Protein backbone atom coordinates (compact mmCIF):
# COMPACT_ATOMS: atom_id res chain seq x y z
CA MET A 1 -110.07 -63.70 72.99
CA ASP A 2 -107.80 -63.78 70.53
CA LEU A 3 -105.85 -67.11 70.93
CA ALA A 4 -102.26 -65.80 69.37
CA ALA A 5 -102.47 -63.29 72.03
CA VAL A 6 -103.53 -65.80 74.74
CA ALA A 7 -100.37 -68.09 73.72
CA VAL A 8 -98.06 -65.24 74.49
CA LEU A 9 -99.55 -64.93 77.90
CA VAL A 10 -98.94 -68.71 78.72
CA GLU A 11 -95.43 -68.70 77.32
CA ALA A 12 -94.39 -65.90 79.07
CA ALA A 13 -95.61 -67.06 82.33
CA ASN A 14 -93.82 -70.49 81.38
CA ALA A 15 -90.46 -68.81 80.33
CA GLY A 16 -90.42 -65.77 82.60
CA SER A 17 -89.68 -63.30 79.85
CA LEU A 18 -91.44 -62.05 76.68
CA ALA A 19 -88.57 -62.39 74.72
CA ALA A 20 -88.27 -66.27 75.89
CA ALA A 21 -92.30 -66.60 75.10
CA ALA A 22 -91.81 -64.77 71.42
CA ARG A 23 -88.82 -67.27 70.54
CA ARG A 24 -91.00 -70.23 71.22
CA LEU A 25 -93.88 -69.02 69.40
CA GLY A 26 -91.32 -67.61 66.48
CA ILE A 27 -92.58 -64.03 66.58
CA SER A 28 -90.41 -60.65 67.21
CA PRO A 29 -90.53 -59.32 71.11
CA LEU A 30 -92.44 -56.15 69.91
CA MET A 31 -95.00 -58.38 68.34
CA ALA A 32 -95.01 -60.29 71.64
CA THR A 33 -95.37 -57.38 73.59
CA ARG A 34 -98.24 -55.82 71.48
CA ARG A 35 -100.22 -59.28 71.86
CA LEU A 36 -99.88 -59.17 75.27
CA ALA A 37 -100.90 -55.35 75.61
CA ALA A 38 -103.83 -55.99 73.43
CA LEU A 39 -105.05 -58.82 75.68
CA GLU A 40 -104.86 -56.64 78.45
CA ALA A 41 -107.14 -54.11 76.88
CA GLU A 42 -109.66 -57.05 76.06
CA VAL A 43 -110.00 -58.17 79.68
CA GLY A 44 -109.52 -54.71 80.70
CA ALA A 45 -106.97 -55.50 83.32
CA ARG A 46 -103.04 -55.53 84.05
CA LEU A 47 -102.33 -59.34 83.65
CA MET A 48 -98.16 -59.10 84.08
CA HIS A 49 -95.52 -56.79 85.89
CA ARG A 50 -92.92 -55.92 83.49
CA THR A 51 -89.55 -54.73 83.96
CA THR A 52 -86.28 -54.60 82.34
CA ARG A 53 -85.15 -57.75 84.22
CA ALA A 54 -88.14 -59.68 85.31
CA LEU A 55 -91.84 -60.69 84.77
CA ALA A 56 -94.27 -61.97 87.18
CA LEU A 57 -98.38 -62.65 86.78
CA THR A 58 -100.72 -60.19 88.84
CA PRO A 59 -103.44 -61.73 90.37
CA GLU A 60 -105.30 -60.91 87.76
CA GLY A 61 -103.19 -62.67 85.42
CA GLU A 62 -102.95 -65.66 87.74
CA GLY A 63 -106.52 -66.00 87.67
CA LEU A 64 -106.45 -66.17 84.07
CA LEU A 65 -103.83 -68.32 83.33
CA PRO A 66 -105.52 -71.85 84.00
CA PHE A 67 -108.13 -70.95 81.54
CA ALA A 68 -105.63 -69.84 78.88
CA GLN A 69 -104.23 -73.11 79.08
CA ALA A 70 -107.31 -74.82 78.65
CA MET A 71 -108.38 -72.64 75.60
CA LEU A 72 -104.89 -73.38 73.78
CA GLU A 73 -105.32 -77.11 74.74
CA ASN A 74 -108.99 -76.94 73.67
CA GLU A 75 -107.83 -75.56 70.31
CA ALA A 76 -105.24 -78.07 69.65
CA ALA A 77 -107.56 -80.80 70.43
CA ALA A 78 -110.16 -79.41 67.65
CA ARG A 79 -107.50 -79.05 65.16
CA ALA A 80 -106.59 -82.88 66.14
CA SER A 81 -109.91 -83.92 65.89
CA VAL A 82 -110.64 -82.90 61.96
CA ARG A 83 -107.01 -83.97 60.66
CA PRO A 84 -107.02 -87.08 59.28
CA ALA A 85 -105.80 -89.91 60.92
CA ALA A 86 -103.02 -90.92 57.97
CA ALA A 87 -101.70 -87.45 58.44
CA GLY A 88 -100.04 -88.39 61.38
CA ALA A 89 -98.39 -85.64 63.70
CA SER A 90 -97.48 -81.96 63.33
CA GLY A 91 -95.74 -79.28 64.84
CA LEU A 92 -92.62 -79.01 67.24
CA LEU A 93 -92.06 -81.75 69.66
CA ARG A 94 -89.93 -80.40 72.57
CA LEU A 95 -88.65 -83.59 74.31
CA THR A 96 -86.34 -84.40 77.12
CA ALA A 97 -84.01 -87.43 78.42
CA SER A 98 -81.01 -87.93 80.07
CA ALA A 99 -77.51 -87.88 78.63
CA ALA A 100 -76.99 -91.40 78.03
CA PHE A 101 -80.50 -92.61 77.07
CA GLY A 102 -80.94 -90.00 75.14
CA ARG A 103 -78.04 -90.53 72.56
CA LYS A 104 -78.43 -94.51 72.89
CA VAL A 105 -82.10 -95.25 72.95
CA VAL A 106 -84.32 -91.75 72.24
CA ALA A 107 -82.43 -90.43 69.26
CA PRO A 108 -82.50 -93.52 67.10
CA VAL A 109 -86.19 -93.50 67.81
CA ILE A 110 -86.55 -89.79 66.82
CA ALA A 111 -84.59 -90.39 63.40
CA GLY A 112 -87.44 -92.88 62.96
CA PHE A 113 -90.33 -90.90 64.16
CA LEU A 114 -89.16 -87.86 62.05
CA LYS A 115 -89.16 -89.98 58.47
CA ALA A 116 -92.68 -91.30 59.68
CA ASN A 117 -93.85 -87.84 60.52
CA PRO A 118 -92.50 -85.13 57.87
CA GLN A 119 -94.68 -82.16 59.63
CA VAL A 120 -93.07 -82.82 62.82
CA SER A 121 -89.64 -81.06 64.07
CA VAL A 122 -87.93 -82.03 67.32
CA ASP A 123 -86.07 -80.03 69.76
CA LEU A 124 -84.39 -82.55 71.98
CA LEU A 125 -82.63 -81.40 75.61
CA LEU A 126 -80.25 -84.16 76.99
CA THR A 127 -79.44 -83.52 80.81
CA ASP A 128 -79.14 -85.68 83.66
CA ALA A 129 -80.82 -82.80 85.52
CA LEU A 130 -84.27 -82.66 86.52
CA VAL A 131 -86.14 -80.33 84.08
CA ASP A 132 -89.03 -78.16 84.97
CA MET A 133 -91.16 -79.23 82.12
CA VAL A 134 -93.94 -76.14 82.68
CA ALA A 135 -90.98 -73.63 82.84
CA GLN A 136 -89.20 -74.69 80.03
CA GLY A 137 -91.82 -75.52 77.60
CA VAL A 138 -91.25 -79.18 77.62
CA ASP A 139 -93.88 -81.41 75.84
CA LEU A 140 -92.60 -84.96 76.91
CA ALA A 141 -90.05 -86.19 79.60
CA ILE A 142 -88.29 -89.49 79.47
CA ARG A 143 -87.15 -89.99 83.02
CA ILE A 144 -85.63 -93.03 84.61
CA ALA A 145 -86.26 -92.29 88.26
CA PRO A 146 -88.62 -92.41 91.09
CA LEU A 147 -91.47 -89.99 90.12
CA LYS A 148 -92.58 -87.15 92.62
CA ASP A 149 -94.18 -84.77 91.09
CA SER A 150 -97.79 -85.61 91.36
CA SER A 151 -98.89 -82.88 88.89
CA LEU A 152 -97.44 -84.26 86.03
CA ILE A 153 -98.91 -87.48 83.78
CA ALA A 154 -96.59 -90.31 83.59
CA ARG A 155 -96.78 -93.48 81.53
CA ARG A 156 -94.43 -96.45 82.38
CA LEU A 157 -92.68 -97.77 79.20
CA ALA A 158 -90.76 -100.26 80.07
CA ASN A 159 -88.86 -101.49 83.29
CA ASN A 160 -84.96 -100.42 83.72
CA PRO A 161 -82.87 -103.49 85.00
CA ARG A 162 -79.69 -102.08 86.53
CA HIS A 163 -76.75 -104.10 88.28
CA LEU A 164 -73.52 -103.56 90.09
CA TYR A 165 -70.74 -103.53 87.06
CA ALA A 166 -66.88 -103.96 87.14
CA THR A 167 -64.44 -104.79 84.52
CA PRO A 168 -62.42 -108.41 84.75
CA SER A 169 -59.34 -106.35 85.48
CA TYR A 170 -60.91 -104.59 88.57
CA LEU A 171 -61.90 -108.01 90.31
CA GLU A 172 -58.89 -109.42 89.77
CA GLU A 173 -56.75 -106.97 91.50
CA HIS A 174 -59.52 -106.17 94.08
CA GLY A 175 -61.65 -109.58 94.25
CA THR A 176 -64.99 -110.19 93.55
CA PRO A 177 -67.78 -109.23 96.16
CA GLY A 178 -70.18 -111.73 97.36
CA ALA A 179 -72.57 -110.05 99.60
CA VAL A 180 -73.30 -106.47 100.68
CA ALA A 181 -70.55 -106.04 103.64
CA ASP A 182 -67.91 -106.95 101.09
CA LEU A 183 -68.70 -103.83 99.16
CA VAL A 184 -67.00 -101.61 102.15
CA ARG A 185 -63.76 -102.84 100.93
CA HIS A 186 -64.31 -101.69 97.31
CA GLN A 187 -64.19 -98.30 95.33
CA CYS A 188 -67.86 -97.68 94.76
CA LEU A 189 -68.57 -95.10 92.13
CA GLY A 190 -71.58 -93.06 93.03
CA PHE A 191 -72.94 -89.35 92.19
CA SER A 192 -71.70 -86.23 93.32
CA GLY A 193 -72.80 -85.35 96.61
CA ALA A 194 -74.43 -89.06 97.40
CA THR A 195 -73.01 -91.13 100.39
CA HIS A 196 -74.81 -94.28 100.29
CA TRP A 197 -76.23 -96.98 97.74
CA PRO A 198 -79.80 -97.80 98.13
CA LEU A 199 -79.75 -101.90 97.68
CA ALA A 200 -83.15 -103.64 97.53
CA GLY A 201 -82.86 -107.11 99.73
CA GLY A 202 -83.65 -108.50 103.14
CA ALA A 203 -86.38 -107.25 105.02
CA ARG A 204 -85.58 -103.67 104.86
CA GLY A 205 -83.08 -103.69 102.21
CA ASN A 206 -79.60 -102.12 102.60
CA ARG A 207 -77.96 -98.82 102.28
CA VAL A 208 -74.15 -99.13 101.28
CA ARG A 209 -71.77 -96.05 101.94
CA VAL A 210 -70.24 -95.06 98.74
CA GLN A 211 -66.17 -94.54 99.39
CA ALA A 212 -64.09 -94.05 96.01
CA ARG A 213 -61.73 -91.38 94.61
CA PHE A 214 -64.48 -90.57 92.07
CA SER A 215 -67.74 -89.51 91.82
CA ALA A 216 -69.82 -87.57 89.06
CA ASN A 217 -72.94 -85.85 88.43
CA SER A 218 -73.53 -88.16 85.10
CA ILE A 219 -74.11 -91.70 84.43
CA GLU A 220 -71.74 -91.77 81.55
CA GLY A 221 -69.00 -90.24 83.81
CA LEU A 222 -69.49 -93.12 85.99
CA ARG A 223 -70.01 -95.65 83.18
CA GLU A 224 -66.41 -94.33 81.58
CA ILE A 225 -64.59 -94.50 84.75
CA CYS A 226 -65.85 -98.20 85.56
CA LEU A 227 -64.99 -99.23 82.39
CA ALA A 228 -61.68 -98.01 82.88
CA GLY A 229 -61.33 -100.60 85.66
CA LEU A 230 -61.27 -98.03 88.48
CA GLY A 231 -64.18 -99.35 90.43
CA ILE A 232 -67.96 -100.56 90.79
CA ALA A 233 -70.71 -98.66 89.54
CA ILE A 234 -74.50 -99.14 89.35
CA LEU A 235 -75.66 -99.04 85.65
CA SER A 236 -78.40 -99.89 83.74
CA ASP A 237 -78.20 -103.01 81.22
CA TRP A 238 -79.02 -100.82 78.06
CA ASP A 239 -75.97 -98.85 78.91
CA VAL A 240 -73.45 -102.03 78.93
CA ARG A 241 -74.88 -104.24 76.53
CA GLU A 242 -72.36 -103.96 73.76
CA GLU A 243 -69.28 -103.98 76.60
CA VAL A 244 -70.97 -107.19 78.60
CA ALA A 245 -71.08 -108.93 75.22
CA ARG A 246 -67.44 -107.92 74.44
CA GLY A 247 -66.35 -109.08 78.04
CA GLN A 248 -64.89 -105.30 78.67
CA ILE A 249 -67.46 -105.34 82.24
CA VAL A 250 -68.96 -108.08 84.04
CA PRO A 251 -72.68 -107.75 86.04
CA LEU A 252 -72.06 -108.54 89.84
CA ARG A 253 -74.50 -110.77 91.96
CA LEU A 254 -74.40 -110.07 95.60
CA THR A 255 -76.66 -112.84 97.89
CA ASP A 256 -78.32 -110.35 99.73
CA GLY A 257 -78.88 -107.57 97.89
CA GLU A 258 -79.52 -105.45 93.95
CA PRO A 259 -79.80 -102.11 93.17
CA GLU A 260 -83.23 -100.99 93.46
CA PRO A 261 -85.39 -101.20 90.17
CA LEU A 262 -86.42 -98.22 88.35
CA ALA A 263 -88.80 -97.79 85.21
CA ILE A 264 -88.84 -95.78 82.09
CA TRP A 265 -91.41 -93.26 82.18
CA ALA A 266 -92.85 -90.78 79.69
CA VAL A 267 -94.12 -87.74 81.28
CA HIS A 268 -96.54 -85.21 80.12
CA PRO A 269 -97.66 -81.89 81.83
CA SER A 270 -101.34 -82.57 81.37
CA SER A 271 -103.92 -84.94 81.17
CA ARG A 272 -106.85 -82.85 79.30
CA PHE A 273 -105.02 -83.35 75.84
CA VAL A 274 -102.35 -85.12 74.83
CA PRO A 275 -101.19 -83.79 71.56
CA PRO A 276 -100.70 -86.59 68.34
CA LYS A 277 -97.09 -85.47 68.33
CA VAL A 278 -96.71 -86.81 72.02
CA ARG A 279 -99.01 -89.58 71.93
CA LEU A 280 -97.50 -90.87 68.28
CA PHE A 281 -94.01 -90.56 69.83
CA THR A 282 -94.62 -91.79 73.25
CA ALA A 283 -96.30 -95.14 71.37
CA ALA A 284 -92.42 -95.42 69.03
CA LEU A 285 -90.27 -95.22 72.18
CA ALA A 286 -92.67 -97.78 73.72
CA GLU A 287 -92.59 -100.24 70.84
CA ALA A 288 -88.64 -99.91 70.49
CA LEU A 289 -88.18 -100.64 74.08
CA ARG A 290 -90.60 -103.55 73.96
CA ARG A 291 -88.32 -104.95 70.85
CA ALA A 292 -85.24 -104.30 72.71
CA PRO A 293 -82.88 -107.04 73.91
């Protein structure tokens, strides 16, 4: 089979359209259509239902897809096996991370990674939403959250300590909580739609009802309102390290509860083959996290 045509099938299945597949592969939509048609002619079956608005795999396409994915991974593995180790990584690395962590931690690592690997280009997607890695063609996701998708391969890079934080001005006006029960009298800043904070501690832990005039779907939004002195927020230590050093914000310690611990994970879609670009960037990020304060 023509691997270029196989790549069209895989990318079109992931992206949901031939136009998107063409963009990912750097070819014209007409060329993508011709390659898919040639593949269908070669295997003697229609692989995709195509209309002006939608694209879906036929039963034959669904049966061929895992083999097509394995073919592309095997080709990449073969190329990597004969590439000199000193050559480093190559190709486009599609990477996603949360907005705050991506801007403060991941982007500086990318800068050094690009300098060390001149044959690599990076497309960074910053979002606090959970990205469908397969559908969007993402090679690597950096996540700070409990992992639920068992079909993905994850490597734990580092712990992600979190604490309750507030400004000195807020605590002066509203008092400093000493226990979980005290939080009901405070402005607890939370995510949009969330009604409770899960706090570890005690036999079963605690769930604190979030009551505040402000909520957000972004950690950066919660951080800014907290820094403005309008409430208490659960924030990662790396996110406010400089503000703590300047005395703008302080961590709070409760006697019977604390934010549930999280970890920083590197997640990729397959265990059959990890491209050098993914492996080397993951190692670079892990090393940067290890050396961080």
